[in-house]
Structures are given as C-alpha cells and as structure tokens.
Protein backbone atom coordinates (compact mmCIF):
# COMPACT_ATOMS: atom_id res chain seq x y z
CA MET A 1 17.12 0.84 18.56
CA ARG A 2 16.74 -2.91 18.81
CA GLU A 3 18.08 -4.99 15.93
CA ALA A 4 15.37 -7.55 16.59
CA GLU A 5 12.64 -5.04 15.77
CA ILE A 6 14.34 -4.12 12.50
CA ARG A 7 14.55 -7.79 11.59
CA ARG A 8 10.83 -8.21 12.35
CA LEU A 9 10.11 -5.26 10.04
CA LEU A 10 12.33 -6.72 7.30
CA ALA A 11 10.60 -10.13 7.61
CA ALA A 12 7.14 -8.54 7.48
CA ASN A 13 8.06 -6.42 4.43
CA LEU A 14 9.56 -9.40 2.61
CA LEU A 15 6.35 -11.35 3.21
CA CYS A 16 4.34 -8.46 1.70
CA ALA A 17 6.62 -8.40 -1.36
CA LEU A 18 6.29 -12.20 -1.66
CA SER A 19 2.50 -11.88 -1.56
CA ILE A 20 2.62 -9.64 -4.66
CA VAL A 21 4.81 -12.15 -6.50
CA LEU A 22 2.42 -14.99 -5.55
CA ALA A 23 -0.56 -12.89 -6.64
CA ALA A 24 1.01 -12.73 -10.13
CA VAL A 25 1.85 -16.45 -10.32
CA VAL A 26 -0.53 -18.60 -8.29
CA PRO A 27 -3.86 -17.55 -9.91
CA ALA A 28 -2.60 -18.87 -13.27
CA PHE A 29 -2.93 -22.37 -11.87
CA PHE A 30 -6.63 -21.86 -11.11
CA LEU A 31 -7.83 -19.32 -13.74
CA ASP A 32 -7.56 -20.11 -17.44
CA GLY A 33 -5.64 -17.44 -19.40
CA PHE A 34 -4.70 -15.48 -16.30
CA SER A 35 -1.79 -13.07 -16.67
CA VAL A 36 -0.80 -9.72 -15.25
CA LEU A 37 -1.14 -8.02 -18.65
CA GLY A 38 -3.80 -10.13 -20.34
CA THR A 39 -6.28 -10.12 -17.42
CA HIS A 40 -4.99 -7.02 -15.67
CA LEU A 41 -8.28 -6.14 -13.88
CA THR A 42 -8.40 -9.58 -12.34
CA TRP A 43 -4.81 -9.22 -11.21
CA LEU A 44 -5.57 -5.80 -9.67
CA CYS A 45 -8.32 -7.40 -7.58
CA VAL A 46 -6.18 -10.40 -6.59
CA CYS A 47 -3.17 -8.29 -5.70
CA SER A 48 -5.21 -5.86 -3.60
CA VAL A 49 -6.90 -8.70 -1.70
CA CYS A 50 -3.63 -10.53 -1.07
CA VAL A 51 -1.78 -7.45 0.16
CA ALA A 52 -4.68 -6.33 2.35
CA THR A 53 -5.18 -9.77 3.88
CA LEU A 54 -1.48 -10.22 4.64
CA ASN A 55 -1.26 -6.76 6.18
CA ILE A 56 -4.12 -7.61 8.51
CA ILE A 57 -2.56 -10.92 9.51
CA LEU A 58 0.87 -9.38 10.10
CA HIS A 59 -0.52 -6.56 12.26
CA LEU A 60 -2.59 -9.00 14.31
CA VAL A 61 0.49 -11.24 14.86
CA LEU A 62 3.26 -8.64 15.27
CA LYS A 63 1.09 -5.97 16.98
CA PRO A 64 3.49 -3.09 16.14
CA ASN A 65 1.25 -0.37 17.59
CA GLN A 66 -0.87 -2.21 20.19
CA SER A 67 -2.61 0.01 22.71
CA PRO A 68 -2.23 -1.05 26.38
CA LYS A 69 -5.90 -0.25 26.99
CA ARG A 70 -8.52 -2.94 26.72
CA ARG A 71 -11.25 -2.00 24.22
CA SER A 72 -14.85 -3.03 24.33
CA PHE A 73 -16.47 -5.07 21.56
CA ALA A 74 -18.65 -2.09 20.54
CA TYR A 75 -15.50 0.07 20.23
CA LYS A 76 -13.87 -2.56 17.97
CA ILE A 77 -16.94 -2.75 15.76
CA SER A 78 -17.13 1.02 15.50
CA ARG A 79 -13.39 1.20 14.66
CA PHE A 80 -13.82 -1.49 11.98
CA LEU A 81 -16.72 0.36 10.36
CA LYS A 82 -14.78 3.62 10.37
CA CYS A 83 -11.86 1.86 8.72
CA CYS A 84 -14.13 0.53 5.99
CA ILE A 85 -15.56 4.01 5.41
CA TYR A 86 -12.10 5.62 5.38
CA PHE A 87 -10.84 3.05 2.89
CA PHE A 88 -13.80 3.60 0.57
CA MET A 89 -13.37 7.39 0.83
CA SER A 90 -9.69 6.91 0.00
CA CYS A 91 -10.56 4.95 -3.16
CA ILE A 92 -12.96 7.68 -4.23
CA LEU A 93 -10.34 10.37 -3.50
CA PHE A 94 -7.59 8.56 -5.40
CA HIS A 95 -10.05 8.01 -8.28
CA ALA A 96 -10.80 11.72 -8.46
CA ILE A 97 -7.10 12.68 -8.29
CA ILE A 98 -6.22 10.17 -11.02
CA VAL A 99 -8.95 11.67 -13.26
CA LEU A 100 -7.65 15.17 -12.58
CA TYR A 101 -4.21 13.99 -13.67
CA GLY A 102 -5.57 12.93 -17.06
CA ALA A 103 -7.32 9.56 -16.71
CA PRO A 104 -10.55 9.12 -18.74
CA LEU A 105 -13.54 10.62 -16.90
CA ILE A 106 -16.26 8.38 -18.33
CA GLU A 107 -14.48 5.67 -20.28
CA LEU A 108 -12.54 2.97 -18.44
CA VAL A 109 -14.16 3.86 -15.12
CA THR A 110 -13.73 0.32 -13.80
CA GLU A 111 -10.05 0.31 -14.69
CA THR A 112 -9.46 3.70 -13.00
CA PHE A 113 -11.34 2.70 -9.87
CA LEU A 114 -9.50 -0.60 -9.47
CA PHE A 115 -6.22 1.22 -9.90
CA ALA A 116 -7.39 3.60 -7.12
CA VAL A 117 -8.25 0.62 -4.95
CA LEU A 118 -4.70 -0.75 -5.52
CA LEU A 119 -3.15 2.60 -4.54
CA SER A 120 -5.38 2.80 -1.45
CA THR A 121 -4.29 -0.72 -0.48
CA PHE A 122 -0.63 0.25 -0.72
CA THR A 123 -1.09 3.46 1.24
CA THR A 124 -4.32 4.07 3.17
CA PHE A 125 -4.86 0.44 4.16
CA GLN A 126 -1.42 0.38 5.82
CA CYS A 127 -2.31 3.56 7.71
CA LEU A 128 -5.54 1.99 8.90
CA CYS A 129 -3.78 -1.16 10.09
CA LEU A 130 -1.02 0.71 11.94
CA LEU A 131 -2.71 3.92 13.08
CA GLY A 132 -6.44 3.19 12.81
CA PRO A 133 -9.02 5.77 11.61
CA ASN A 134 -7.12 8.63 13.24
CA ILE A 135 -6.55 11.46 10.79
CA GLN A 136 -4.43 13.43 13.31
CA ALA A 137 -2.06 10.49 13.65
CA TRP A 138 -1.81 10.23 9.86
CA ILE A 139 -0.93 13.90 9.61
CA ARG A 140 1.64 13.47 12.33
CA VAL A 141 3.29 10.47 10.73
CA PHE A 142 3.56 12.11 7.32
CA SER A 143 4.86 15.43 8.71
CA LYS A 144 8.56 16.13 9.04
CA ASN A 145 10.12 13.99 11.84
CA GLY A 146 6.64 12.81 12.75
CA ALA A 147 7.34 9.05 12.97
CA THR A 148 7.56 7.58 16.44
CA SER A 149 8.63 4.02 15.50
CA ILE A 150 10.37 2.08 12.77
CA TRP A 151 6.96 0.88 11.59
CA GLU A 152 5.77 4.43 11.02
CA SER A 153 9.03 5.23 9.17
CA SER A 154 8.42 2.22 6.97
CA LEU A 155 4.87 3.40 6.35
CA GLN A 156 6.19 6.79 5.20
CA ILE A 157 8.70 5.20 2.79
CA THR A 158 6.38 2.57 1.29
CA SER A 159 3.55 5.02 0.80
CA MET A 160 5.71 7.62 -0.95
CA CYS A 161 7.39 5.00 -3.10
CA SER A 162 3.99 3.63 -4.20
CA ILE A 163 2.73 7.08 -5.23
CA LEU A 164 5.96 8.01 -6.95
CA GLY A 165 5.97 4.63 -8.75
CA ALA A 166 2.43 5.22 -10.03
CA TRP A 167 3.43 8.73 -11.20
CA PHE A 168 6.51 7.50 -13.06
CA GLY A 169 4.43 4.68 -14.52
CA ALA A 170 2.31 7.25 -16.40
CA PHE A 171 5.23 8.55 -18.47
CA PRO A 172 5.26 5.74 -21.12
CA ILE A 173 1.48 5.92 -21.80
CA PRO A 174 1.51 8.77 -24.37
CA LEU A 175 4.57 7.41 -26.23
CA ASP A 176 3.88 5.80 -29.63
CA TRP A 177 5.54 2.48 -28.81
CA ASP A 178 2.26 0.55 -29.16
CA ARG A 179 3.10 -1.91 -26.40
CA PRO A 180 0.46 -3.98 -24.58
CA TRP A 181 1.55 -2.62 -21.17
CA GLN A 182 0.88 0.96 -22.29
CA VAL A 183 -2.90 0.36 -22.09
CA TRP A 184 -4.47 2.25 -19.20
CA PRO A 185 -3.84 1.66 -16.30
CA ILE A 186 -1.30 -1.16 -16.68
CA SER A 187 1.91 0.89 -16.60
CA CYS A 188 0.68 3.05 -13.71
CA SER A 189 -0.45 0.07 -11.60
CA LEU A 190 2.81 -1.81 -12.33
CA GLY A 191 4.73 1.34 -11.44
CA ALA A 192 2.84 1.62 -8.13
CA THR A 193 3.45 -2.08 -7.45
CA PHE A 194 7.17 -1.89 -8.16
CA GLY A 195 7.39 1.30 -6.14
CA TYR A 196 5.64 -0.38 -3.21
CA MET A 197 7.95 -3.39 -3.43
CA ALA A 198 10.99 -1.11 -3.65
CA GLY A 199 9.75 0.75 -0.55
CA LEU A 200 9.35 -2.53 1.33
CA ILE A 201 13.01 -3.36 0.70
CA ILE A 202 14.40 0.18 1.10
CA ALA A 203 12.59 0.97 4.40
CA PRO A 204 14.28 -1.59 6.70
CA LEU A 205 17.67 -1.05 4.99
CA TRP A 206 17.41 2.75 5.38
CA ILE A 207 16.35 2.37 9.00
CA HIS A 208 19.24 -0.02 9.68
CA TRP A 209 21.82 2.29 8.15
CA ASN A 210 20.44 5.33 10.00
CA ARG A 211 19.55 3.61 13.27
CA LYS A 212 22.10 5.61 15.26
CA GLN A 213 20.67 8.92 14.04
CA LEU A 214 16.99 7.93 14.49
CA THR A 215 15.59 8.89 17.88
CA TYR A 216 11.91 8.23 18.27
CA LYS A 217 9.83 10.05 20.89
CA SER A 218 6.49 8.77 22.01
CA ARG A 219 3.65 11.23 21.49
C-alpha cells in the first residue's frame, strides 16, 4: 500500500474537518448574532453546504475512484440527477428513522429534517461522490471486508462514526440539566459532527497502522 495515497487521504480528511471548523467561525463575520447554538438551524445549513461542496471539489481533484471509460454528457447528466434523487431520498429516510427513534413527529419538523440533511451529508453524500448512485456498490462497501481501497475504508469509518456520534448525542436530551445545547436537535447534530470529525482523523491513522494487514482486491 502506497504511503503517498494514505497521505492524500489524510490531507483530504483534514480539509473536510477544517471546513466544519470554518463553518462554525466564518459566518459570524457576515451574519449578525450567528453562533452554533444560538442560530443552530443556520449553522446546520452552512455546515452541510460547506462539507458537500468540499467533498465535490476533493473528488474532482483527487479522483479516488475514477473510471477508465469515457462517459457521454447524457450519462453524466443522468448520473447527476440520480445522485440528487438518492440524496433527497436519504434525507427522507433519515428523517423517518429519527422520528421512529423519538423525535417529534409534527413539531420541530424543520429542525428534524435539517438534522437529517446533515447526517445525509456526512454519510450518503460521501457514498455518492465516491461510488455514485450504485446501491450494489454501497452494499459491498459496507459489508464485511467489502472495501477495495483506502478511500472506501475511510468511507466506512467516517459514516459509522457519524451515526454513532448522533446516537450518543441523544443521551443528554432527556436529562434535567436545562442546558441550551439540550434543545432538539443540537446535541444530536453536534454529536454527529464530532463523530464525523473523529472518523476523519481515525480513518487514515487506522489504515496506516494496519496497512500491512490490509489487502484490497479489485471487484
């Protein structure tokens, strides 16, 4: 396994983590009263857009899973539209799952949906950038020993860390601490964000430490 590829992955992941930090700091210079807690819905939108935009740029520049075949313009348009549909369906699915796990069904619909958009950005959007709208490839990657590259291994780790972070973030909500960050969905979205950032750091380090044991086979 080439060290240069691992360094490229680490650099890309650090840029993604930096984009989240900037999304929490930079808007305060342009929007009055902006803060992660005080204007949380605005931050959810800004964070989702920043992470999604940077992921697109990184995948266009680094081309971690580029196909050797030349694709027609019509194929690219069709692929783009499928990606948009898949992402929207992912947001709806996450929204439904979050409601089933106890989120308000009718009240705070906007908050719940924007949280679902954030989760989709951390998970589904990465799948779409790396694998495209190919459900079979998604199933392969998230099955045991299904990754065929360090980028797919990183996708596994960051996606799982994001979901676990969101799940752990729900634990403080029912406690009677009466803290501002216990308002739905602040703790869950912060948990997902910290989980995603942790996954971005853990993934290249784990791959580096286990590089001798990792053997990827093209499929």
